[in-house]
Amino acid sequence: MIEQLKETRHKVVGTKQTLKALEKGEALAVFVAKDADAKVTGPVIALCEARGVELHYVESMLELGKLCGIKVKAATAAILKS
């Protein structure tokens, strides 16, 4: 699934965008950085569990940012249903 995050153009990066995608039912899978602040990731994880969305953990925010093709850290990201 991590390879799919790298390759897809249908994704959002960041907590606000990920939450929006989850609320709209557009998220196929969500990625959360293990070293991100729990206050930031908590609502995303809770919504994933409530909606039955696949949840994956990535070691660090820096690694998640790189996987998303950005040069900054990212706490969360989601692959969208195309």
C-alpha atoms as a PDB file:
ATOM      1  CA  MET A   1       0.000   0.000   0.000  1.00  0.00           C
ATOM      2  CA  ILE A   2       2.959   2.329   0.635  1.00  0.00           C
ATOM      3  CA  GLU A   3       4.049   1.911  -2.998  1.00  0.00           C
ATOM      4  CA  GLN A   4       0.539   2.917  -4.044  1.00  0.00           C
ATOM      5  CA  LEU A   5       0.854   6.122  -1.972  1.00  0.00           C
ATOM      6  CA  LYS A   6       4.073   6.980  -3.832  1.00  0.00           C
ATOM      7  CA  GLU A   7       2.614   6.371  -7.277  1.00  0.00           C
ATOM      8  CA  THR A   8      -0.954   7.686  -7.083  1.00  0.00           C
ATOM      9  CA  ARG A   9      -1.943  11.196  -8.044  1.00  0.00           C
ATOM     10  CA  HIS A  10      -5.202  10.792  -6.100  1.00  0.00           C
ATOM     11  CA  LYS A  11      -4.026  11.657  -2.596  1.00  0.00           C
ATOM     12  CA  VAL A  12      -4.173  14.355   0.026  1.00  0.00           C
ATOM     13  CA  VAL A  13      -1.419  15.306   2.443  1.00  0.00           C
ATOM     14  CA  GLY A  14      -1.870  16.844   5.866  1.00  0.00           C
ATOM     15  CA  THR A  15      -4.278  16.395   8.723  1.00  0.00           C
ATOM     16  CA  LYS A  16      -6.916  18.923   7.634  1.00  0.00           C
ATOM     17  CA  GLN A  17      -7.110  17.494   4.114  1.00  0.00           C
ATOM     18  CA  THR A  18      -7.125  13.903   5.407  1.00  0.00           C
ATOM     19  CA  LEU A  19      -9.983  14.666   7.822  1.00  0.00           C
ATOM     20  CA  LYS A  20     -11.974  16.320   5.015  1.00  0.00           C
ATOM     21  CA  ALA A  21     -11.485  13.271   2.777  1.00  0.00           C
ATOM     22  CA  LEU A  22     -12.577  10.949   5.591  1.00  0.00           C
ATOM     23  CA  GLU A  23     -15.659  13.033   6.371  1.00  0.00           C
ATOM     24  CA  LYS A  24     -16.688  13.038   2.703  1.00  0.00           C
ATOM     25  CA  GLY A  25     -16.092   9.282   2.397  1.00  0.00           C
ATOM     26  CA  GLU A  26     -13.386   9.793  -0.225  1.00  0.00           C
ATOM     27  CA  ALA A  27     -10.465   8.145   1.629  1.00  0.00           C
ATOM     28  CA  LEU A  28      -9.472   4.645   0.538  1.00  0.00           C
ATOM     29  CA  ALA A  29      -6.506   4.288   2.907  1.00  0.00           C
ATOM     30  CA  VAL A  30      -4.915   6.582   5.485  1.00  0.00           C
ATOM     31  CA  PHE A  31      -1.265   6.842   6.526  1.00  0.00           C
ATOM     32  CA  VAL A  32      -0.172   8.170   9.920  1.00  0.00           C
ATOM     33  CA  ALA A  33       3.377   8.990  11.037  1.00  0.00           C
ATOM     34  CA  LYS A  34       4.273   7.238  14.306  1.00  0.00           C
ATOM     35  CA  ASP A  35       6.232  10.253  15.580  1.00  0.00           C
ATOM     36  CA  ALA A  36       3.427  12.764  14.972  1.00  0.00           C
ATOM     37  CA  ASP A  37       1.716  14.416  17.939  1.00  0.00           C
ATOM     38  CA  ALA A  38      -1.205  12.325  19.237  1.00  0.00           C
ATOM     39  CA  LYS A  39      -3.367  15.487  19.428  1.00  0.00           C
ATOM     40  CA  VAL A  40      -2.961  15.818  15.670  1.00  0.00           C
ATOM     41  CA  THR A  41      -3.372  12.187  14.660  1.00  0.00           C
ATOM     42  CA  GLY A  42      -5.986  11.144  17.244  1.00  0.00           C
ATOM     43  CA  PRO A  43      -9.032  12.521  15.384  1.00  0.00           C
ATOM     44  CA  VAL A  44      -7.815  10.974  12.109  1.00  0.00           C
ATOM     45  CA  ILE A  45      -7.310   7.543  13.689  1.00  0.00           C
ATOM     46  CA  ALA A  46     -10.700   7.713  15.443  1.00  0.00           C
ATOM     47  CA  LEU A  47     -12.486   8.637  12.199  1.00  0.00           C
ATOM     48  CA  CYS A  48     -10.705   5.825  10.317  1.00  0.00           C
ATOM     49  CA  GLU A  49     -11.891   3.314  12.899  1.00  0.00           C
ATOM     50  CA  ALA A  50     -15.435   4.715  12.869  1.00  0.00           C
ATOM     51  CA  ARG A  51     -15.637   4.637   9.062  1.00  0.00           C
ATOM     52  CA  GLY A  52     -13.779   1.342   8.596  1.00  0.00           C
ATOM     53  CA  VAL A  53     -11.012   2.937   6.526  1.00  0.00           C
ATOM     54  CA  GLU A  54      -7.714   1.062   6.150  1.00  0.00           C
ATOM     55  CA  LEU A  55      -5.043   2.581   8.432  1.00  0.00           C
ATOM     56  CA  HIS A  56      -1.274   2.270   7.905  1.00  0.00           C
ATOM     57  CA  TYR A  57       1.572   3.545  10.052  1.00  0.00           C
ATOM     58  CA  VAL A  58       4.807   5.042   8.739  1.00  0.00           C
ATOM     59  CA  GLU A  59       7.909   5.363  10.942  1.00  0.00           C
ATOM     60  CA  SER A  60       8.344   9.144  10.747  1.00  0.00           C
ATOM     61  CA  MET A  61       6.789  12.371   9.556  1.00  0.00           C
ATOM     62  CA  LEU A  62       9.840  12.969   7.357  1.00  0.00           C
ATOM     63  CA  GLU A  63       9.428   9.565   5.690  1.00  0.00           C
ATOM     64  CA  LEU A  64       5.701  10.175   5.105  1.00  0.00           C
ATOM     65  CA  GLY A  65       6.484  13.546   3.524  1.00  0.00           C
ATOM     66  CA  LYS A  66       8.996  11.892   1.178  1.00  0.00           C
ATOM     67  CA  LEU A  67       6.495   9.158   0.256  1.00  0.00           C
ATOM     68  CA  CYS A  68       4.028  11.894  -0.685  1.00  0.00           C
ATOM     69  CA  GLY A  69       6.598  13.635  -2.850  1.00  0.00           C
ATOM     70  CA  ILE A  70       6.938  16.749  -0.677  1.00  0.00           C
ATOM     71  CA  LYS A  71      10.043  18.225   0.930  1.00  0.00           C
ATOM     72  CA  VAL A  72       8.477  18.822   4.349  1.00  0.00           C
ATOM     73  CA  LYS A  73       7.210  16.546   7.099  1.00  0.00           C
ATOM     74  CA  ALA A  74       3.653  15.205   7.059  1.00  0.00           C
ATOM     75  CA  ALA A  75       1.661  13.810  10.006  1.00  0.00           C
ATOM     76  CA  THR A  76      -1.053  12.171   7.892  1.00  0.00           C
ATOM     77  CA  ALA A  77      -1.943  11.445   4.282  1.00  0.00           C
ATOM     78  CA  ALA A  78      -4.700   9.586   2.444  1.00  0.00           C
ATOM     79  CA  ILE A  79      -5.147   7.790  -0.852  1.00  0.00           C
ATOM     80  CA  LEU A  80      -8.421   8.863  -2.408  1.00  0.00           C
ATOM     81  CA  LYS A  81     -10.971   6.757  -4.220  1.00  0.00           C
ATOM     82  CA  SER A  82     -10.568   7.672  -7.875  1.00  0.00           C
END
